[in-house]
Amino acid sequence: MSRYQCPECGYEYDEAAGDPHQGYPAGTVWDSLPESFTCPDCAVRYKEDFQPLES
């Protein structure tokens, strides 16, 4: 499972944990998030702006 980080605020989306508060259960992979996904913390960055993190 991978992790992705918002370059604006540092929010991390972890596929293993998902983001249940946003409606994405644990195990939800990045590619299955909608293209309209924005950072839930700052709402400034879009999905394509997130950077993959090293495991």
N, C-alpha and C. Protein backbone atom coordinates (compact mmCIF):
# COMPACT_ATOMS: atom_id res chain seq x y z
N MET A 1 0.85 -1.17 0.00
CA MET A 1 0.00 0.00 0.00
C MET A 1 0.90 1.24 0.00
N SER A 2 0.40 2.29 -0.62
CA SER A 2 1.19 3.50 -0.79
C SER A 2 0.61 4.66 0.01
N ARG A 3 1.42 5.72 0.11
CA ARG A 3 0.99 6.96 0.78
C ARG A 3 1.25 8.12 -0.17
N TYR A 4 0.41 9.14 -0.06
CA TYR A 4 0.51 10.33 -0.91
C TYR A 4 0.37 11.56 -0.03
N GLN A 5 1.15 12.61 -0.33
CA GLN A 5 1.17 13.79 0.52
C GLN A 5 0.80 15.06 -0.25
N CYS A 6 0.00 15.89 0.41
CA CYS A 6 -0.35 17.20 -0.14
C CYS A 6 0.87 18.11 -0.01
N PRO A 7 1.32 18.73 -1.09
CA PRO A 7 2.51 19.58 -1.00
C PRO A 7 2.22 20.92 -0.30
N GLU A 8 0.96 21.26 -0.13
CA GLU A 8 0.60 22.54 0.50
C GLU A 8 0.62 22.46 2.02
N CYS A 9 -0.08 21.45 2.59
CA CYS A 9 -0.24 21.41 4.05
C CYS A 9 0.38 20.18 4.71
N GLY A 10 0.78 19.19 3.92
CA GLY A 10 1.40 18.00 4.49
C GLY A 10 0.44 16.87 4.81
N TYR A 11 -0.86 17.04 4.53
CA TYR A 11 -1.82 15.95 4.75
C TYR A 11 -1.34 14.72 3.98
N GLU A 12 -1.43 13.56 4.62
CA GLU A 12 -1.04 12.31 3.97
C GLU A 12 -2.25 11.40 3.80
N TYR A 13 -2.41 10.88 2.59
CA TYR A 13 -3.41 9.85 2.35
C TYR A 13 -2.67 8.52 2.33
N ASP A 14 -3.03 7.64 3.26
CA ASP A 14 -2.42 6.32 3.38
C ASP A 14 -3.44 5.30 2.90
N GLU A 15 -3.12 4.58 1.83
CA GLU A 15 -4.07 3.60 1.29
C GLU A 15 -4.46 2.56 2.32
N ALA A 16 -3.53 2.15 3.17
CA ALA A 16 -3.82 1.12 4.17
C ALA A 16 -4.86 1.61 5.18
N ALA A 17 -4.79 2.89 5.53
CA ALA A 17 -5.70 3.45 6.53
C ALA A 17 -6.95 4.05 5.90
N GLY A 18 -6.84 4.47 4.63
CA GLY A 18 -7.95 5.17 4.00
C GLY A 18 -8.19 6.50 4.69
N ASP A 19 -9.38 7.02 4.58
CA ASP A 19 -9.79 8.23 5.30
C ASP A 19 -11.28 8.09 5.57
N PRO A 20 -11.62 7.29 6.60
CA PRO A 20 -13.03 7.01 6.88
C PRO A 20 -13.88 8.28 7.07
N HIS A 21 -13.28 9.32 7.62
CA HIS A 21 -14.01 10.57 7.84
C HIS A 21 -14.47 11.17 6.50
N GLN A 22 -13.69 10.94 5.45
CA GLN A 22 -14.03 11.44 4.12
C GLN A 22 -14.82 10.41 3.30
N GLY A 23 -15.04 9.22 3.87
CA GLY A 23 -15.83 8.20 3.20
C GLY A 23 -14.99 7.17 2.44
N TYR A 24 -13.69 7.12 2.71
CA TYR A 24 -12.80 6.16 2.04
C TYR A 24 -12.29 5.15 3.07
N PRO A 25 -12.85 3.94 3.08
CA PRO A 25 -12.45 2.95 4.08
C PRO A 25 -11.00 2.49 3.90
N ALA A 26 -10.47 1.89 4.95
CA ALA A 26 -9.11 1.33 4.90
C ALA A 26 -9.00 0.41 3.70
N GLY A 27 -7.87 0.51 3.00
CA GLY A 27 -7.64 -0.31 1.83
C GLY A 27 -8.06 0.34 0.52
N THR A 28 -8.60 1.56 0.58
CA THR A 28 -8.99 2.27 -0.64
C THR A 28 -7.74 2.79 -1.34
N VAL A 29 -7.47 2.25 -2.52
CA VAL A 29 -6.25 2.64 -3.24
C VAL A 29 -6.41 4.00 -3.90
N TRP A 30 -5.31 4.68 -4.07
CA TRP A 30 -5.26 6.02 -4.63
C TRP A 30 -5.98 6.11 -5.98
N ASP A 31 -5.73 5.13 -6.84
CA ASP A 31 -6.31 5.16 -8.18
C ASP A 31 -7.84 5.06 -8.17
N SER A 32 -8.42 4.59 -7.07
CA SER A 32 -9.87 4.49 -7.02
C SER A 32 -10.53 5.76 -6.45
N LEU A 33 -9.72 6.71 -5.96
CA LEU A 33 -10.29 7.97 -5.52
C LEU A 33 -10.76 8.75 -6.74
N PRO A 34 -11.83 9.52 -6.60
CA PRO A 34 -12.33 10.27 -7.76
C PRO A 34 -11.32 11.32 -8.22
N GLU A 35 -11.34 11.64 -9.50
CA GLU A 35 -10.44 12.67 -10.04
C GLU A 35 -10.72 14.02 -9.39
N SER A 36 -11.91 14.21 -8.87
CA SER A 36 -12.28 15.47 -8.23
C SER A 36 -11.80 15.56 -6.78
N PHE A 37 -11.08 14.53 -6.30
CA PHE A 37 -10.57 14.51 -4.93
C PHE A 37 -9.70 15.73 -4.69
N THR A 38 -9.96 16.43 -3.58
CA THR A 38 -9.10 17.53 -3.15
C THR A 38 -8.63 17.25 -1.73
N CYS A 39 -7.60 17.94 -1.32
CA CYS A 39 -7.07 17.75 0.02
C CYS A 39 -8.15 18.08 1.04
N PRO A 40 -8.47 17.16 1.95
CA PRO A 40 -9.52 17.42 2.93
C PRO A 40 -9.10 18.42 4.02
N ASP A 41 -7.78 18.67 4.16
CA ASP A 41 -7.33 19.61 5.18
C ASP A 41 -7.27 21.05 4.68
N CYS A 42 -6.73 21.24 3.47
CA CYS A 42 -6.57 22.62 2.99
C CYS A 42 -7.44 22.94 1.78
N ALA A 43 -7.97 21.91 1.11
CA ALA A 43 -8.84 22.06 -0.06
C ALA A 43 -8.20 22.89 -1.17
N VAL A 44 -6.90 23.06 -1.11
CA VAL A 44 -6.20 23.85 -2.11
C VAL A 44 -5.67 22.96 -3.23
N ARG A 45 -5.23 21.78 -2.87
CA ARG A 45 -4.57 20.92 -3.84
C ARG A 45 -5.49 19.84 -4.36
N TYR A 46 -5.31 19.52 -5.63
CA TYR A 46 -6.08 18.48 -6.29
C TYR A 46 -5.29 17.18 -6.33
N LYS A 47 -5.97 16.11 -6.66
CA LYS A 47 -5.37 14.78 -6.67
C LYS A 47 -4.05 14.73 -7.43
N GLU A 48 -4.01 15.38 -8.60
CA GLU A 48 -2.78 15.32 -9.41
C GLU A 48 -1.60 16.05 -8.77
N ASP A 49 -1.86 16.90 -7.77
CA ASP A 49 -0.79 17.64 -7.10
C ASP A 49 -0.11 16.82 -6.00
N PHE A 50 -0.78 15.79 -5.51
CA PHE A 50 -0.22 14.99 -4.41
C PHE A 50 1.05 14.27 -4.87
N GLN A 51 1.99 14.15 -3.95
CA GLN A 51 3.26 13.49 -4.23
C GLN A 51 3.30 12.11 -3.56
N PRO A 52 3.70 11.07 -4.29
CA PRO A 52 3.86 9.76 -3.66
C PRO A 52 5.02 9.80 -2.67
N LEU A 53 4.88 9.10 -1.56
CA LEU A 53 5.92 9.04 -0.54
C LEU A 53 6.62 7.68 -0.61
N GLU A 54 7.87 7.69 -0.24
CA GLU A 54 8.64 6.44 -0.15
C GLU A 54 8.11 5.61 1.02
N SER A 55 8.06 4.32 0.83
CA SER A 55 7.57 3.44 1.90
C SER A 55 8.61 3.24 2.96
